[in-house]
Amino acid sequence: MEPARAKRRTSRQVRRAAIAALIERERWQVVDSAAWEVLRNAFSTVSESTLRHDLLASGFPLQPMVEGVRFDTLEELARSLTALAECERRAAETARNGMISPARKCVLEARRKAEAVLRNPSVSAEKHEAMEEKFLWLRTWLENPELFVDWAPLRLRQIRNRRDGSPHPML
């Protein structure tokens, strides 16, 4: 017989069920910025990263600004940064001079996290190498988001076609 506690739902499971119920009740097709604010207010004791992780794990479609920058694989990094580049392009068309777009803020925050990993001496050499590559991607996006859209697939192809045949740690 299984222990009684194994039958109880974890707080994460309960929270994810509550998120799903709220999304269903509101009939959101995609979690956009407005829906994100409602979720943040409804789950105010949960960190943004935990809430975002719960949404991603549950498979709900997220607007690029809600999804943020994904570090899972280089393909996910390319996809999320490409989506943010489109947001940046649209924001640049309407933005006032001197303002930083929400997409740029998102990528700047991701770069800050990558820099923290790169400065951490306890990070393994493999993780450090993978984060150096990701940092290059973030820096390239920040230098020219429109160029990034064409650069990312070329960079992925280059990594896959390395002469030594060794796979990149993040592919």
N, C-alpha and C. Protein backbone atom coordinates (compact mmCIF):
# COMPACT_ATOMS: atom_id res chain seq x y z
N MET A 1 0.84 -1.17 0.00
CA MET A 1 0.00 0.00 0.00
C MET A 1 0.89 1.25 0.00
N GLU A 2 0.49 2.25 -0.76
CA GLU A 2 1.27 3.48 -0.88
C GLU A 2 1.11 4.32 0.38
N PRO A 3 2.14 5.07 0.71
CA PRO A 3 2.01 5.98 1.86
C PRO A 3 0.93 7.03 1.58
N ALA A 4 0.28 7.48 2.62
CA ALA A 4 -0.80 8.46 2.49
C ALA A 4 -0.31 9.75 1.86
N ARG A 5 0.89 10.17 2.20
CA ARG A 5 1.38 11.44 1.67
C ARG A 5 1.62 11.38 0.17
N ALA A 6 1.86 10.21 -0.40
CA ALA A 6 2.07 10.10 -1.83
C ALA A 6 0.78 10.40 -2.59
N LYS A 7 -0.35 10.24 -1.95
CA LYS A 7 -1.64 10.49 -2.58
C LYS A 7 -2.03 11.96 -2.53
N ARG A 8 -1.42 12.72 -1.63
CA ARG A 8 -1.73 14.14 -1.52
C ARG A 8 -1.07 14.91 -2.66
N ARG A 9 -1.75 15.95 -3.08
CA ARG A 9 -1.21 16.79 -4.14
C ARG A 9 -0.23 17.78 -3.54
N THR A 10 0.83 18.04 -4.28
CA THR A 10 1.83 19.02 -3.82
C THR A 10 1.29 20.42 -4.04
N SER A 11 1.91 21.38 -3.39
CA SER A 11 1.50 22.77 -3.57
C SER A 11 1.68 23.20 -5.02
N ARG A 12 2.70 22.67 -5.69
CA ARG A 12 2.92 22.98 -7.10
C ARG A 12 1.75 22.46 -7.94
N GLN A 13 1.31 21.23 -7.67
CA GLN A 13 0.18 20.67 -8.41
C GLN A 13 -1.09 21.46 -8.16
N VAL A 14 -1.31 21.84 -6.92
CA VAL A 14 -2.49 22.64 -6.57
C VAL A 14 -2.43 23.99 -7.27
N ARG A 15 -1.26 24.62 -7.24
CA ARG A 15 -1.10 25.94 -7.89
C ARG A 15 -1.32 25.82 -9.40
N ARG A 16 -0.75 24.79 -10.02
CA ARG A 16 -0.92 24.62 -11.47
C ARG A 16 -2.38 24.36 -11.83
N ALA A 17 -3.08 23.62 -10.98
CA ALA A 17 -4.52 23.39 -11.22
C ALA A 17 -5.29 24.70 -11.08
N ALA A 18 -4.91 25.53 -10.11
CA ALA A 18 -5.58 26.82 -9.92
C ALA A 18 -5.30 27.76 -11.10
N ILE A 19 -4.09 27.72 -11.62
CA ILE A 19 -3.74 28.52 -12.81
C ILE A 19 -4.58 28.07 -13.99
N ALA A 20 -4.66 26.76 -14.19
CA ALA A 20 -5.44 26.22 -15.31
C ALA A 20 -6.91 26.60 -15.17
N ALA A 21 -7.43 26.56 -13.96
CA ALA A 21 -8.83 26.92 -13.73
C ALA A 21 -9.07 28.39 -14.04
N LEU A 22 -8.15 29.24 -13.63
CA LEU A 22 -8.29 30.68 -13.91
C LEU A 22 -8.22 30.94 -15.42
N ILE A 23 -7.30 30.31 -16.11
CA ILE A 23 -7.18 30.49 -17.56
C ILE A 23 -8.43 30.00 -18.26
N GLU A 24 -8.95 28.87 -17.82
CA GLU A 24 -10.19 28.34 -18.42
C GLU A 24 -11.37 29.26 -18.13
N ARG A 25 -11.47 29.72 -16.89
CA ARG A 25 -12.58 30.61 -16.52
C ARG A 25 -12.55 31.91 -17.32
N GLU A 26 -11.36 32.45 -17.52
CA GLU A 26 -11.20 33.71 -18.27
C GLU A 26 -11.25 33.48 -19.78
N ARG A 27 -11.12 32.22 -20.20
CA ARG A 27 -11.15 31.83 -21.63
C ARG A 27 -10.05 32.50 -22.44
N TRP A 28 -8.85 32.56 -21.85
CA TRP A 28 -7.71 33.11 -22.56
C TRP A 28 -7.20 32.08 -23.56
N GLN A 29 -7.00 32.50 -24.79
CA GLN A 29 -6.42 31.63 -25.80
C GLN A 29 -4.90 31.63 -25.70
N VAL A 30 -4.37 32.76 -25.26
CA VAL A 30 -2.93 32.93 -25.06
C VAL A 30 -2.75 33.82 -23.83
N VAL A 31 -1.71 33.55 -23.08
CA VAL A 31 -1.42 34.39 -21.92
C VAL A 31 -0.62 35.58 -22.42
N ASP A 32 -1.30 36.72 -22.53
CA ASP A 32 -0.65 37.95 -22.98
C ASP A 32 -0.30 38.80 -21.76
N SER A 33 0.15 40.02 -22.00
CA SER A 33 0.58 40.89 -20.90
C SER A 33 -0.54 41.18 -19.91
N ALA A 34 -1.76 41.40 -20.42
CA ALA A 34 -2.90 41.67 -19.53
C ALA A 34 -3.22 40.44 -18.68
N ALA A 35 -3.24 39.27 -19.31
CA ALA A 35 -3.50 38.03 -18.57
C ALA A 35 -2.39 37.77 -17.56
N TRP A 36 -1.15 38.08 -17.95
CA TRP A 36 -0.01 37.90 -17.04
C TRP A 36 -0.20 38.73 -15.78
N GLU A 37 -0.66 39.98 -15.92
CA GLU A 37 -0.89 40.84 -14.77
C GLU A 37 -1.98 40.26 -13.86
N VAL A 38 -3.04 39.72 -14.46
CA VAL A 38 -4.09 39.09 -13.66
C VAL A 38 -3.52 37.90 -12.89
N LEU A 39 -2.73 37.08 -13.58
CA LEU A 39 -2.11 35.92 -12.92
C LEU A 39 -1.14 36.37 -11.81
N ARG A 40 -0.35 37.40 -12.07
CA ARG A 40 0.58 37.89 -11.06
C ARG A 40 -0.17 38.37 -9.82
N ASN A 41 -1.30 39.05 -10.03
CA ASN A 41 -2.09 39.51 -8.88
C ASN A 41 -2.76 38.35 -8.16
N ALA A 42 -3.25 37.37 -8.92
CA ALA A 42 -3.92 36.22 -8.30
C ALA A 42 -2.94 35.34 -7.52
N PHE A 43 -1.71 35.29 -7.98
CA PHE A 43 -0.68 34.45 -7.34
C PHE A 43 0.48 35.33 -6.87
N SER A 44 0.13 36.35 -6.13
CA SER A 44 1.12 37.37 -5.73
C SER A 44 2.21 36.84 -4.81
N THR A 45 1.99 35.72 -4.15
CA THR A 45 3.01 35.18 -3.26
C THR A 45 4.01 34.29 -4.00
N VAL A 46 3.75 34.05 -5.28
CA VAL A 46 4.62 33.20 -6.10
C VAL A 46 5.53 34.11 -6.92
N SER A 47 6.81 33.74 -7.02
CA SER A 47 7.74 34.56 -7.81
C SER A 47 7.36 34.51 -9.28
N GLU A 48 7.77 35.54 -10.01
CA GLU A 48 7.49 35.58 -11.44
C GLU A 48 8.09 34.38 -12.16
N SER A 49 9.31 34.01 -11.80
CA SER A 49 9.96 32.89 -12.49
C SER A 49 9.23 31.57 -12.20
N THR A 50 8.74 31.38 -10.98
CA THR A 50 7.99 30.16 -10.66
C THR A 50 6.66 30.14 -11.41
N LEU A 51 5.98 31.26 -11.45
CA LEU A 51 4.71 31.34 -12.18
C LEU A 51 4.93 31.08 -13.66
N ARG A 52 5.98 31.68 -14.22
CA ARG A 52 6.30 31.47 -15.64
C ARG A 52 6.63 30.00 -15.88
N HIS A 53 7.40 29.40 -14.98
CA HIS A 53 7.75 27.98 -15.10
C HIS A 53 6.51 27.10 -15.07
N ASP A 54 5.58 27.42 -14.17
CA ASP A 54 4.32 26.66 -14.09
C ASP A 54 3.54 26.77 -15.40
N LEU A 55 3.47 27.97 -15.97
CA LEU A 55 2.76 28.17 -17.24
C LEU A 55 3.43 27.38 -18.36
N LEU A 56 4.75 27.44 -18.43
CA LEU A 56 5.48 26.72 -19.47
C LEU A 56 5.30 25.21 -19.32
N ALA A 57 5.39 24.72 -18.11
CA ALA A 57 5.25 23.28 -17.86
C ALA A 57 3.84 22.79 -18.18
N SER A 58 2.86 23.68 -18.04
CA SER A 58 1.49 23.30 -18.30
C SER A 58 1.13 23.38 -19.78
N GLY A 59 2.00 23.95 -20.58
CA GLY A 59 1.78 23.98 -22.02
C GLY A 59 0.86 25.08 -22.52
N PHE A 60 0.57 26.07 -21.69
CA PHE A 60 -0.28 27.17 -22.14
C PHE A 60 0.50 28.05 -23.11
N PRO A 61 -0.14 28.48 -24.20
CA PRO A 61 0.55 29.39 -25.12
C PRO A 61 0.80 30.74 -24.45
N LEU A 62 2.04 31.22 -24.58
CA LEU A 62 2.43 32.47 -23.95
C LEU A 62 2.90 33.46 -25.00
N GLN A 63 2.51 34.70 -24.81
CA GLN A 63 3.01 35.78 -25.65
C GLN A 63 4.52 35.89 -25.38
N PRO A 64 5.33 36.25 -26.40
CA PRO A 64 6.78 36.30 -26.19
C PRO A 64 7.22 37.11 -24.98
N MET A 65 6.56 38.23 -24.71
CA MET A 65 6.95 39.04 -23.57
C MET A 65 6.66 38.34 -22.24
N VAL A 66 5.68 37.47 -22.22
CA VAL A 66 5.37 36.71 -21.00
C VAL A 66 6.32 35.52 -20.89
N GLU A 67 6.59 34.86 -22.01
CA GLU A 67 7.47 33.70 -22.01
C GLU A 67 8.90 34.08 -21.64
N GLY A 68 9.37 35.21 -22.16
CA GLY A 68 10.73 35.65 -21.87
C GLY A 68 11.76 34.89 -22.69
N VAL A 69 13.00 34.94 -22.25
CA VAL A 69 14.10 34.28 -22.93
C VAL A 69 14.25 32.86 -22.37
N ARG A 70 14.25 31.87 -23.27
CA ARG A 70 14.37 30.47 -22.88
C ARG A 70 15.80 30.01 -23.07
N PHE A 71 16.40 29.42 -22.03
CA PHE A 71 17.77 28.95 -22.06
C PHE A 71 17.88 27.44 -22.24
N ASP A 72 16.77 26.72 -22.34
CA ASP A 72 16.79 25.25 -22.34
C ASP A 72 17.76 24.67 -23.38
N THR A 73 17.60 25.08 -24.63
CA THR A 73 18.48 24.64 -25.72
C THR A 73 18.75 25.85 -26.60
N LEU A 74 19.71 25.72 -27.49
CA LEU A 74 19.98 26.83 -28.41
C LEU A 74 18.78 27.06 -29.33
N GLU A 75 18.06 25.99 -29.68
CA GLU A 75 16.86 26.16 -30.50
C GLU A 75 15.81 26.98 -29.78
N GLU A 76 15.61 26.70 -28.49
CA GLU A 76 14.65 27.47 -27.70
C GLU A 76 15.13 28.91 -27.52
N LEU A 77 16.44 29.08 -27.32
CA LEU A 77 17.00 30.42 -27.21
C LEU A 77 16.77 31.18 -28.51
N ALA A 78 17.05 30.53 -29.64
CA ALA A 78 16.84 31.18 -30.95
C ALA A 78 15.37 31.53 -31.15
N ARG A 79 14.48 30.60 -30.83
CA ARG A 79 13.05 30.83 -31.04
C ARG A 79 12.54 31.97 -30.17
N SER A 80 12.91 31.96 -28.89
CA SER A 80 12.40 33.00 -27.99
C SER A 80 13.01 34.36 -28.31
N LEU A 81 14.30 34.40 -28.66
CA LEU A 81 14.91 35.67 -29.02
C LEU A 81 14.37 36.20 -30.35
N THR A 82 14.07 35.31 -31.29
CA THR A 82 13.48 35.73 -32.56
C THR A 82 12.10 36.33 -32.32
N ALA A 83 11.31 35.72 -31.47
CA ALA A 83 9.99 36.27 -31.14
C ALA A 83 10.12 37.63 -30.47
N LEU A 84 11.10 37.76 -29.59
CA LEU A 84 11.32 39.05 -28.93
C LEU A 84 11.85 40.10 -29.92
N ALA A 85 12.60 39.66 -30.92
CA ALA A 85 13.08 40.60 -31.95
C ALA A 85 11.90 41.19 -32.71
N GLU A 86 10.90 40.37 -32.97
CA GLU A 86 9.69 40.88 -33.63
C GLU A 86 8.97 41.87 -32.72
N CYS A 87 8.89 41.58 -31.45
CA CYS A 87 8.29 42.53 -30.50
C CYS A 87 9.09 43.83 -30.48
N GLU A 88 10.40 43.71 -30.50
CA GLU A 88 11.27 44.88 -30.50
C GLU A 88 11.06 45.71 -31.77
N ARG A 89 10.93 45.04 -32.90
CA ARG A 89 10.71 45.74 -34.16
C ARG A 89 9.42 46.54 -34.12
N ARG A 90 8.36 45.90 -33.62
CA ARG A 90 7.06 46.60 -33.52
C ARG A 90 7.15 47.75 -32.53
N ALA A 91 7.84 47.55 -31.41
CA ALA A 91 7.95 48.61 -30.41
C ALA A 91 8.77 49.78 -30.95
N ALA A 92 9.79 49.47 -31.74
CA ALA A 92 10.64 50.53 -32.30
C ALA A 92 9.86 51.41 -33.25
N GLU A 93 8.87 50.85 -33.90
CA GLU A 93 8.06 51.62 -34.85
C GLU A 93 7.23 52.68 -34.14
N THR A 94 6.86 52.43 -32.90
CA THR A 94 5.97 53.34 -32.18
C THR A 94 6.59 53.97 -30.94
N ALA A 95 7.78 53.54 -30.57
CA ALA A 95 8.39 54.02 -29.32
C ALA A 95 8.87 55.46 -29.43
N ARG A 96 8.84 56.11 -28.30
CA ARG A 96 9.43 57.45 -28.22
C ARG A 96 10.93 57.31 -28.02
N ASN A 97 11.65 58.32 -28.45
CA ASN A 97 13.12 58.29 -28.27
C ASN A 97 13.46 58.23 -26.79
N GLY A 98 14.49 57.45 -26.50
CA GLY A 98 14.99 57.36 -25.13
C GLY A 98 14.34 56.28 -24.29
N MET A 99 13.28 55.64 -24.77
CA MET A 99 12.63 54.59 -23.98
C MET A 99 13.20 53.22 -24.34
N ILE A 100 13.29 52.38 -23.38
CA ILE A 100 13.73 51.01 -23.62
C ILE A 100 12.47 50.15 -23.74
N SER A 101 12.41 49.37 -24.81
CA SER A 101 11.22 48.54 -25.04
C SER A 101 11.15 47.41 -24.02
N PRO A 102 9.95 46.88 -23.79
CA PRO A 102 9.83 45.72 -22.89
C PRO A 102 10.63 44.51 -23.37
N ALA A 103 10.70 44.30 -24.68
CA ALA A 103 11.47 43.16 -25.21
C ALA A 103 12.95 43.34 -24.88
N ARG A 104 13.46 44.54 -25.05
CA ARG A 104 14.87 44.81 -24.76
C ARG A 104 15.14 44.63 -23.26
N LYS A 105 14.22 45.08 -22.42
CA LYS A 105 14.38 44.89 -20.97
C LYS A 105 14.46 43.40 -20.63
N CYS A 106 13.63 42.62 -21.30
CA CYS A 106 13.61 41.17 -21.07
C CYS A 106 14.96 40.55 -21.43
N VAL A 107 15.52 40.93 -22.57
CA VAL A 107 16.80 40.37 -23.00
C VAL A 107 17.94 40.91 -22.13
N LEU A 108 17.86 42.16 -21.71
CA LEU A 108 18.87 42.71 -20.79
C LEU A 108 18.88 41.94 -19.47
N GLU A 109 17.71 41.58 -18.98
CA GLU A 109 17.62 40.79 -17.74
C GLU A 109 18.22 39.40 -17.95
N ALA A 110 17.95 38.81 -19.11
CA ALA A 110 18.53 37.49 -19.41
C ALA A 110 20.06 37.59 -19.49
N ARG A 111 20.56 38.67 -20.09
CA ARG A 111 22.01 38.87 -20.16
C ARG A 111 22.60 39.01 -18.76
N ARG A 112 21.90 39.72 -17.88
CA ARG A 112 22.37 39.87 -16.50
C ARG A 112 22.49 38.50 -15.82
N LYS A 113 21.50 37.64 -16.05
CA LYS A 113 21.55 36.29 -15.47
C LYS A 113 22.70 35.48 -16.06
N ALA A 114 22.90 35.59 -17.37
CA ALA A 114 24.00 34.87 -18.01
C ALA A 114 25.34 35.36 -17.47
N GLU A 115 25.48 36.66 -17.29
CA GLU A 115 26.73 37.21 -16.74
C GLU A 115 26.98 36.67 -15.33
N ALA A 116 25.93 36.54 -14.54
CA ALA A 116 26.09 36.01 -13.18
C ALA A 116 26.60 34.58 -13.22
N VAL A 117 26.08 33.78 -14.14
CA VAL A 117 26.55 32.39 -14.27
C VAL A 117 28.02 32.39 -14.70
N LEU A 118 28.37 33.25 -15.65
CA LEU A 118 29.75 33.29 -16.14
C LEU A 118 30.74 33.74 -15.07
N ARG A 119 30.29 34.57 -14.14
CA ARG A 119 31.17 35.05 -13.05
C ARG A 119 31.28 34.04 -11.91
N ASN A 120 30.38 33.08 -11.85
CA ASN A 120 30.34 32.13 -10.75
C ASN A 120 31.47 31.10 -10.89
N PRO A 121 32.43 31.09 -9.98
CA PRO A 121 33.56 30.16 -10.12
C PRO A 121 33.19 28.70 -9.88
N SER A 122 32.05 28.43 -9.28
CA SER A 122 31.67 27.04 -9.00
C SER A 122 30.91 26.39 -10.16
N VAL A 123 30.69 27.13 -11.24
CA VAL A 123 29.99 26.57 -12.40
C VAL A 123 30.94 25.65 -13.15
N SER A 124 30.43 24.50 -13.57
CA SER A 124 31.26 23.53 -14.28
C SER A 124 31.75 24.11 -15.60
N ALA A 125 32.85 23.57 -16.10
CA ALA A 125 33.42 24.04 -17.36
C ALA A 125 32.42 23.86 -18.51
N GLU A 126 31.69 22.76 -18.51
CA GLU A 126 30.70 22.50 -19.56
C GLU A 126 29.58 23.54 -19.54
N LYS A 127 29.07 23.82 -18.34
CA LYS A 127 28.00 24.82 -18.22
C LYS A 127 28.52 26.21 -18.57
N HIS A 128 29.76 26.50 -18.18
CA HIS A 128 30.37 27.79 -18.50
C HIS A 128 30.49 27.96 -20.01
N GLU A 129 30.95 26.92 -20.70
CA GLU A 129 31.09 26.97 -22.16
C GLU A 129 29.73 27.18 -22.83
N ALA A 130 28.72 26.45 -22.35
CA ALA A 130 27.38 26.61 -22.92
C ALA A 130 26.85 28.02 -22.68
N MET A 131 27.10 28.57 -21.50
CA MET A 131 26.60 29.91 -21.19
C MET A 131 27.37 30.97 -21.97
N GLU A 132 28.64 30.74 -22.28
CA GLU A 132 29.37 31.67 -23.14
C GLU A 132 28.70 31.78 -24.51
N GLU A 133 28.28 30.64 -25.04
CA GLU A 133 27.58 30.64 -26.33
C GLU A 133 26.26 31.39 -26.21
N LYS A 134 25.52 31.14 -25.16
CA LYS A 134 24.24 31.83 -24.96
C LYS A 134 24.45 33.34 -24.79
N PHE A 135 25.53 33.69 -24.09
CA PHE A 135 25.84 35.11 -23.91
C PHE A 135 26.11 35.77 -25.26
N LEU A 136 26.80 35.07 -26.15
CA LEU A 136 27.02 35.58 -27.50
C LEU A 136 25.69 35.84 -28.20
N TRP A 137 24.75 34.93 -28.04
CA TRP A 137 23.43 35.09 -28.66
C TRP A 137 22.72 36.32 -28.11
N LEU A 138 22.75 36.48 -26.80
CA LEU A 138 22.10 37.63 -26.17
C LEU A 138 22.77 38.94 -26.61
N ARG A 139 24.09 38.95 -26.65
CA ARG A 139 24.80 40.15 -27.07
C ARG A 139 24.49 40.48 -28.53
N THR A 140 24.43 39.47 -29.37
CA THR A 140 24.10 39.68 -30.78
C THR A 140 22.70 40.26 -30.90
N TRP A 141 21.76 39.73 -30.13
CA TRP A 141 20.39 40.26 -30.16
C TRP A 141 20.38 41.72 -29.73
N LEU A 142 21.08 42.03 -28.66
CA LEU A 142 21.07 43.40 -28.14
C LEU A 142 21.72 44.38 -29.11
N GLU A 143 22.73 43.92 -29.84
CA GLU A 143 23.38 44.79 -30.82
C GLU A 143 22.50 45.08 -32.02
N ASN A 144 21.73 44.06 -32.47
CA ASN A 144 20.88 44.25 -33.64
C ASN A 144 19.80 43.17 -33.67
N PRO A 145 18.64 43.42 -33.05
CA PRO A 145 17.58 42.41 -33.00
C PRO A 145 17.07 42.00 -34.39
N GLU A 146 17.05 42.94 -35.33
CA GLU A 146 16.57 42.60 -36.67
C GLU A 146 17.54 41.66 -37.38
N LEU A 147 18.84 41.89 -37.22
CA LEU A 147 19.84 41.01 -37.81
C LEU A 147 19.82 39.64 -37.14
N PHE A 148 19.50 39.61 -35.86
CA PHE A 148 19.50 38.35 -35.11
C PHE A 148 18.62 37.30 -35.76
N VAL A 149 17.49 37.72 -36.30
CA VAL A 149 16.53 36.79 -36.91
C VAL A 149 17.20 35.99 -38.03
N ASP A 150 18.09 36.59 -38.79
CA ASP A 150 18.82 35.88 -39.85
C ASP A 150 20.07 35.20 -39.32
N TRP A 151 20.68 35.77 -38.29
CA TRP A 151 21.92 35.25 -37.73
C TRP A 151 21.71 33.92 -37.00
N ALA A 152 20.64 33.79 -36.24
CA ALA A 152 20.43 32.62 -35.37
C ALA A 152 20.45 31.30 -36.14
N PRO A 153 19.69 31.15 -37.25
CA PRO A 153 19.75 29.86 -37.96
C PRO A 153 21.14 29.57 -38.53
N LEU A 154 21.86 30.61 -38.95
CA LEU A 154 23.21 30.40 -39.47
C LEU A 154 24.15 29.92 -38.37
N ARG A 155 24.01 30.51 -37.19
CA ARG A 155 24.85 30.12 -36.06
C ARG A 155 24.54 28.69 -35.63
N LEU A 156 23.27 28.33 -35.60
CA LEU A 156 22.90 26.94 -35.25
C LEU A 156 23.52 25.97 -36.24
N ARG A 157 23.46 26.29 -37.53
CA ARG A 157 24.03 25.42 -38.55
C ARG A 157 25.54 25.31 -38.36
N GLN A 158 26.19 26.43 -38.06
CA GLN A 158 27.63 26.41 -37.84
C GLN A 158 28.00 25.51 -36.66
N ILE A 159 27.24 25.60 -35.60
CA ILE A 159 27.53 24.78 -34.43
C ILE A 159 27.35 23.30 -34.75
N ARG A 160 26.30 22.98 -35.48
CA ARG A 160 26.03 21.58 -35.85
C ARG A 160 27.09 21.02 -36.78
N ASN A 161 27.68 21.87 -37.59
CA ASN A 161 28.63 21.42 -38.60
C ASN A 161 30.08 21.58 -38.17
N ARG A 162 30.31 21.62 -36.89
CA ARG A 162 31.69 21.74 -36.41
C ARG A 162 32.53 20.60 -36.97
N ARG A 163 33.74 20.92 -37.35
CA ARG A 163 34.60 19.91 -37.99
C ARG A 163 34.89 18.72 -37.08
N ASP A 164 35.04 18.96 -35.81
CA ASP A 164 35.40 17.86 -34.91
C ASP A 164 34.23 16.91 -34.63
N GLY A 165 33.03 17.31 -35.03
CA GLY A 165 31.88 16.44 -34.86
C GLY A 165 31.37 16.35 -33.44
N SER A 166 32.03 17.00 -32.49
CA SER A 166 31.55 16.92 -31.12
C SER A 166 30.32 17.81 -30.98
N PRO A 167 29.27 17.27 -30.37
CA PRO A 167 28.05 18.07 -30.23
C PRO A 167 28.22 19.21 -29.24
N HIS A 168 27.57 20.28 -29.49
CA HIS A 168 27.58 21.41 -28.56
C HIS A 168 26.80 21.00 -27.32
N PRO A 169 27.21 21.41 -26.14
CA PRO A 169 26.53 20.97 -24.91
C PRO A 169 25.06 21.36 -24.83
N MET A 170 24.63 22.34 -25.60
CA MET A 170 23.24 22.79 -25.49
C MET A 170 22.38 22.35 -26.67
N LEU A 171 22.88 21.55 -27.57
CA LEU A 171 22.08 21.08 -28.71
C LEU A 171 21.52 19.71 -28.44
